[in-house]
Amino acid sequence: MYAVIGTETYKRQIVSWGRAAERIPARLALNPFASKPLNVRFLREKRVGEKRLYYLVYEDLKLVLLIAASGKKDQQHSIDYFKEHLSDFREIAKCLVRQER
C-alpha cells in the first residue's frame, strides 16, 4: 500500500470538488497505476468528470504525490509544466516522506 500526500497546490484546487475528491486518495493508495500514464510511467492523470487530477507515483518511496487538478482547457499546459519540473517534485516527495516518518 502507498502513502498518498497532496501538495498545497492540489489541496487548494480540489476544495470545490466535494465528495469526489475525498474518495480518490484511498483508491490510489491501493492501486496507483490504475489511471492513464502521461509519457512516463510514474506521471499519471485521473479523470473525474470533466476535471483531471495529476499525480506522481514513487515506487521506491511507496508514495503517491497528488500535485494538481485542472480542467481540460489547461491540460496540456499542466502536463508540460509537470514534465519540466519532475526533479523538483522528487525533492518535494523526499521531504514529505521524511516528515511523515
N, C-alpha and C. Protein backbone atom coordinates (compact mmCIF):
# COMPACT_ATOMS: atom_id res chain seq x y z
N MET A 1 0.84 -1.18 0.00
CA MET A 1 0.00 0.00 0.00
C MET A 1 0.89 1.25 0.00
N TYR A 2 0.44 2.26 -0.71
CA TYR A 2 1.18 3.51 -0.85
C TYR A 2 0.64 4.58 0.08
N ALA A 3 1.51 5.46 0.54
CA ALA A 3 1.08 6.67 1.23
C ALA A 3 0.62 7.64 0.15
N VAL A 4 -0.41 8.41 0.42
CA VAL A 4 -0.92 9.39 -0.54
C VAL A 4 -0.90 10.75 0.13
N ILE A 5 -0.14 11.68 -0.47
CA ILE A 5 0.03 13.01 0.10
C ILE A 5 -0.25 14.05 -0.99
N GLY A 6 -1.02 15.06 -0.66
CA GLY A 6 -1.32 16.13 -1.61
C GLY A 6 -0.47 17.36 -1.35
N THR A 7 -0.03 17.99 -2.42
CA THR A 7 0.69 19.25 -2.30
C THR A 7 -0.31 20.35 -1.92
N GLU A 8 0.21 21.48 -1.49
CA GLU A 8 -0.66 22.62 -1.16
C GLU A 8 -1.45 23.07 -2.38
N THR A 9 -0.82 23.05 -3.53
CA THR A 9 -1.50 23.42 -4.78
C THR A 9 -2.69 22.51 -5.02
N TYR A 10 -2.47 21.22 -4.91
CA TYR A 10 -3.54 20.25 -5.09
C TYR A 10 -4.68 20.52 -4.10
N LYS A 11 -4.35 20.72 -2.85
CA LYS A 11 -5.38 20.93 -1.82
C LYS A 11 -6.22 22.17 -2.11
N ARG A 12 -5.59 23.22 -2.60
CA ARG A 12 -6.34 24.45 -2.95
C ARG A 12 -7.27 24.21 -4.14
N GLN A 13 -6.78 23.45 -5.11
CA GLN A 13 -7.53 23.27 -6.34
C GLN A 13 -8.73 22.33 -6.21
N ILE A 14 -8.73 21.44 -5.24
CA ILE A 14 -9.83 20.48 -5.14
C ILE A 14 -10.89 20.86 -4.10
N VAL A 15 -10.76 22.02 -3.50
CA VAL A 15 -11.72 22.43 -2.46
C VAL A 15 -13.16 22.31 -2.96
N SER A 16 -13.40 22.68 -4.18
CA SER A 16 -14.77 22.69 -4.71
C SER A 16 -15.23 21.33 -5.24
N TRP A 17 -14.40 20.31 -5.20
CA TRP A 17 -14.74 19.01 -5.76
C TRP A 17 -15.70 18.21 -4.89
N GLY A 18 -15.74 18.48 -3.62
CA GLY A 18 -16.65 17.77 -2.73
C GLY A 18 -16.27 16.30 -2.52
N ARG A 19 -17.28 15.44 -2.46
CA ARG A 19 -17.09 14.02 -2.15
C ARG A 19 -16.20 13.28 -3.15
N ALA A 20 -16.23 13.69 -4.39
CA ALA A 20 -15.41 13.01 -5.41
C ALA A 20 -13.94 13.03 -5.02
N ALA A 21 -13.48 14.14 -4.48
CA ALA A 21 -12.07 14.27 -4.09
C ALA A 21 -11.74 13.46 -2.85
N GLU A 22 -12.71 13.25 -2.00
CA GLU A 22 -12.47 12.52 -0.75
C GLU A 22 -12.16 11.04 -0.99
N ARG A 23 -12.72 10.47 -2.02
CA ARG A 23 -12.54 9.03 -2.30
C ARG A 23 -11.25 8.71 -3.04
N ILE A 24 -10.69 9.67 -3.72
CA ILE A 24 -9.53 9.43 -4.58
C ILE A 24 -8.31 8.92 -3.83
N PRO A 25 -7.87 9.54 -2.73
CA PRO A 25 -6.65 9.05 -2.07
C PRO A 25 -6.70 7.59 -1.65
N ALA A 26 -7.82 7.13 -1.14
CA ALA A 26 -7.93 5.73 -0.71
C ALA A 26 -7.79 4.78 -1.90
N ARG A 27 -8.37 5.14 -3.00
CA ARG A 27 -8.26 4.30 -4.21
C ARG A 27 -6.83 4.27 -4.74
N LEU A 28 -6.18 5.43 -4.76
CA LEU A 28 -4.81 5.49 -5.26
C LEU A 28 -3.83 4.77 -4.33
N ALA A 29 -4.10 4.75 -3.04
CA ALA A 29 -3.23 4.05 -2.10
C ALA A 29 -3.19 2.56 -2.42
N LEU A 30 -4.29 2.02 -2.87
CA LEU A 30 -4.36 0.59 -3.20
C LEU A 30 -3.85 0.28 -4.59
N ASN A 31 -4.13 1.15 -5.54
CA ASN A 31 -3.73 0.88 -6.92
C ASN A 31 -3.37 2.18 -7.65
N PRO A 32 -2.17 2.69 -7.45
CA PRO A 32 -1.81 3.97 -8.05
C PRO A 32 -1.60 3.91 -9.57
N PHE A 33 -1.49 2.71 -10.13
CA PHE A 33 -1.24 2.60 -11.57
C PHE A 33 -2.50 2.32 -12.38
N ALA A 34 -3.67 2.50 -11.78
CA ALA A 34 -4.93 2.19 -12.46
C ALA A 34 -5.33 3.26 -13.48
N SER A 35 -4.76 4.43 -13.40
CA SER A 35 -5.15 5.51 -14.31
C SER A 35 -4.16 5.66 -15.46
N LYS A 36 -4.39 6.67 -16.27
CA LYS A 36 -3.64 6.88 -17.51
C LYS A 36 -2.24 7.46 -17.27
N PRO A 37 -1.19 6.79 -17.80
CA PRO A 37 0.16 7.37 -17.72
C PRO A 37 0.33 8.50 -18.74
N LEU A 38 1.17 9.46 -18.40
CA LEU A 38 1.42 10.61 -19.29
C LEU A 38 2.89 10.62 -19.71
N ASN A 39 3.20 9.89 -20.73
CA ASN A 39 4.55 9.79 -21.33
C ASN A 39 5.57 9.06 -20.47
N VAL A 40 5.47 9.15 -19.17
CA VAL A 40 6.35 8.39 -18.28
C VAL A 40 5.48 7.61 -17.32
N ARG A 41 5.93 6.46 -16.93
CA ARG A 41 5.11 5.54 -16.12
C ARG A 41 4.64 6.15 -14.81
N PHE A 42 5.43 7.00 -14.21
CA PHE A 42 5.10 7.49 -12.87
C PHE A 42 4.33 8.81 -12.85
N LEU A 43 4.18 9.49 -13.98
CA LEU A 43 3.35 10.70 -14.07
C LEU A 43 2.00 10.27 -14.63
N ARG A 44 0.93 10.51 -13.85
CA ARG A 44 -0.36 9.97 -14.22
C ARG A 44 -1.46 11.00 -14.11
N GLU A 45 -2.56 10.71 -14.83
CA GLU A 45 -3.74 11.57 -14.84
C GLU A 45 -4.96 10.72 -14.52
N LYS A 46 -5.76 11.19 -13.60
CA LYS A 46 -7.02 10.53 -13.27
C LYS A 46 -8.14 11.48 -13.61
N ARG A 47 -9.03 11.03 -14.44
CA ARG A 47 -10.15 11.86 -14.85
C ARG A 47 -11.31 11.68 -13.87
N VAL A 48 -11.86 12.79 -13.43
CA VAL A 48 -13.01 12.80 -12.53
C VAL A 48 -14.03 13.73 -13.15
N GLY A 49 -14.98 13.18 -13.85
CA GLY A 49 -15.94 14.00 -14.59
C GLY A 49 -15.21 14.78 -15.67
N GLU A 50 -15.39 16.08 -15.65
CA GLU A 50 -14.70 16.94 -16.63
C GLU A 50 -13.36 17.45 -16.11
N LYS A 51 -12.99 17.07 -14.91
CA LYS A 51 -11.75 17.55 -14.31
C LYS A 51 -10.69 16.47 -14.36
N ARG A 52 -9.45 16.89 -14.18
CA ARG A 52 -8.33 15.97 -14.18
C ARG A 52 -7.47 16.18 -12.94
N LEU A 53 -7.04 15.07 -12.40
CA LEU A 53 -6.17 15.06 -11.24
C LEU A 53 -4.82 14.52 -11.69
N TYR A 54 -3.76 15.21 -11.35
CA TYR A 54 -2.42 14.80 -11.76
C TYR A 54 -1.62 14.36 -10.55
N TYR A 55 -0.89 13.28 -10.71
CA TYR A 55 -0.11 12.79 -9.59
C TYR A 55 1.11 12.02 -10.08
N LEU A 56 2.06 11.87 -9.17
CA LEU A 56 3.30 11.13 -9.43
C LEU A 56 3.36 9.94 -8.49
N VAL A 57 3.83 8.82 -9.02
CA VAL A 57 3.96 7.60 -8.22
C VAL A 57 5.45 7.32 -8.04
N TYR A 58 5.89 7.28 -6.81
CA TYR A 58 7.28 6.97 -6.49
C TYR A 58 7.31 5.59 -5.84
N GLU A 59 7.63 4.59 -6.64
CA GLU A 59 7.62 3.21 -6.15
C GLU A 59 8.66 2.99 -5.05
N ASP A 60 9.83 3.60 -5.20
CA ASP A 60 10.89 3.41 -4.19
C ASP A 60 10.54 4.03 -2.85
N LEU A 61 9.71 5.09 -2.86
CA LEU A 61 9.29 5.75 -1.63
C LEU A 61 7.92 5.25 -1.15
N LYS A 62 7.27 4.43 -1.97
CA LYS A 62 5.90 3.96 -1.69
C LYS A 62 4.98 5.15 -1.46
N LEU A 63 5.05 6.11 -2.39
CA LEU A 63 4.34 7.38 -2.24
C LEU A 63 3.61 7.76 -3.52
N VAL A 64 2.39 8.24 -3.36
CA VAL A 64 1.65 8.89 -4.43
C VAL A 64 1.58 10.36 -4.05
N LEU A 65 2.16 11.21 -4.89
CA LEU A 65 2.16 12.66 -4.64
C LEU A 65 1.12 13.30 -5.55
N LEU A 66 0.04 13.77 -4.96
CA LEU A 66 -1.02 14.46 -5.69
C LEU A 66 -0.54 15.89 -5.94
N ILE A 67 -0.32 16.23 -7.21
CA ILE A 67 0.34 17.51 -7.48
C ILE A 67 -0.59 18.63 -7.93
N ALA A 68 -1.66 18.31 -8.64
CA ALA A 68 -2.53 19.38 -9.11
C ALA A 68 -3.82 18.82 -9.69
N ALA A 69 -4.75 19.73 -9.94
CA ALA A 69 -6.01 19.40 -10.59
C ALA A 69 -6.31 20.51 -11.58
N SER A 70 -6.93 20.15 -12.69
CA SER A 70 -7.29 21.18 -13.67
C SER A 70 -8.42 20.68 -14.55
N GLY A 71 -8.86 21.56 -15.41
CA GLY A 71 -9.87 21.20 -16.39
C GLY A 71 -9.21 20.83 -17.70
N LYS A 72 -10.00 20.44 -18.66
CA LYS A 72 -9.50 20.04 -19.98
C LYS A 72 -8.75 21.18 -20.66
N LYS A 73 -9.23 22.39 -20.45
CA LYS A 73 -8.64 23.56 -21.11
C LYS A 73 -7.16 23.74 -20.75
N ASP A 74 -6.80 23.46 -19.52
CA ASP A 74 -5.43 23.65 -19.05
C ASP A 74 -4.59 22.38 -19.10
N GLN A 75 -5.13 21.32 -19.65
CA GLN A 75 -4.50 20.01 -19.59
C GLN A 75 -3.07 20.00 -20.13
N GLN A 76 -2.86 20.43 -21.36
CA GLN A 76 -1.53 20.34 -21.96
C GLN A 76 -0.52 21.24 -21.26
N HIS A 77 -0.94 22.43 -20.90
CA HIS A 77 -0.05 23.34 -20.17
C HIS A 77 0.39 22.70 -18.85
N SER A 78 -0.56 22.11 -18.15
CA SER A 78 -0.25 21.46 -16.87
C SER A 78 0.74 20.31 -17.06
N ILE A 79 0.48 19.46 -18.02
CA ILE A 79 1.34 18.31 -18.27
C ILE A 79 2.76 18.76 -18.61
N ASP A 80 2.88 19.76 -19.47
CA ASP A 80 4.20 20.28 -19.84
C ASP A 80 4.94 20.81 -18.61
N TYR A 81 4.24 21.51 -17.75
CA TYR A 81 4.84 22.04 -16.52
C TYR A 81 5.35 20.90 -15.64
N PHE A 82 4.55 19.87 -15.45
CA PHE A 82 4.94 18.75 -14.60
C PHE A 82 6.18 18.06 -15.15
N LYS A 83 6.22 17.87 -16.46
CA LYS A 83 7.38 17.19 -17.07
C LYS A 83 8.66 18.01 -16.90
N GLU A 84 8.55 19.32 -16.99
CA GLU A 84 9.71 20.18 -16.83
C GLU A 84 10.23 20.20 -15.40
N HIS A 85 9.37 19.91 -14.43
CA HIS A 85 9.73 20.03 -13.02
C HIS A 85 9.74 18.70 -12.27
N LEU A 86 9.97 17.61 -12.96
CA LEU A 86 9.95 16.30 -12.31
C LEU A 86 10.98 16.20 -11.19
N SER A 87 12.16 16.76 -11.39
CA SER A 87 13.18 16.68 -10.34
C SER A 87 12.78 17.50 -9.11
N ASP A 88 12.10 18.62 -9.31
CA ASP A 88 11.61 19.42 -8.18
C ASP A 88 10.57 18.64 -7.38
N PHE A 89 9.67 17.98 -8.09
CA PHE A 89 8.65 17.19 -7.40
C PHE A 89 9.27 16.02 -6.64
N ARG A 90 10.33 15.47 -7.18
CA ARG A 90 11.02 14.37 -6.50
C ARG A 90 11.58 14.85 -5.15
N GLU A 91 12.16 16.02 -5.14
CA GLU A 91 12.69 16.58 -3.89
C GLU A 91 11.57 16.85 -2.87
N ILE A 92 10.46 17.37 -3.37
CA ILE A 92 9.31 17.60 -2.50
C ILE A 92 8.84 16.27 -1.91
N ALA A 93 8.77 15.24 -2.74
CA ALA A 93 8.33 13.92 -2.27
C ALA A 93 9.24 13.38 -1.19
N LYS A 94 10.56 13.51 -1.38
CA LYS A 94 11.51 13.05 -0.37
C LYS A 94 11.31 13.77 0.96
N CYS A 95 11.12 15.08 0.90
CA CYS A 95 10.90 15.88 2.12
C CYS A 95 9.62 15.46 2.82
N LEU A 96 8.56 15.24 2.06
CA LEU A 96 7.29 14.84 2.65
C LEU A 96 7.38 13.47 3.32
N VAL A 97 8.10 12.57 2.70
CA VAL A 97 8.27 11.23 3.28
C VAL A 97 9.04 11.32 4.60
N ARG A 98 10.08 12.15 4.62
CA ARG A 98 10.83 12.34 5.86
C ARG A 98 9.96 12.91 6.97
N GLN A 99 9.10 13.84 6.62
CA GLN A 99 8.19 14.45 7.61
C GLN A 99 7.18 13.45 8.14
N GLU A 100 6.73 12.55 7.29
CA GLU A 100 5.73 11.56 7.68
C GLU A 100 6.31 10.50 8.62
N ARG A 101 7.58 10.26 8.51
CA ARG A 101 8.22 9.19 9.32
C ARG A 101 8.67 9.68 10.63
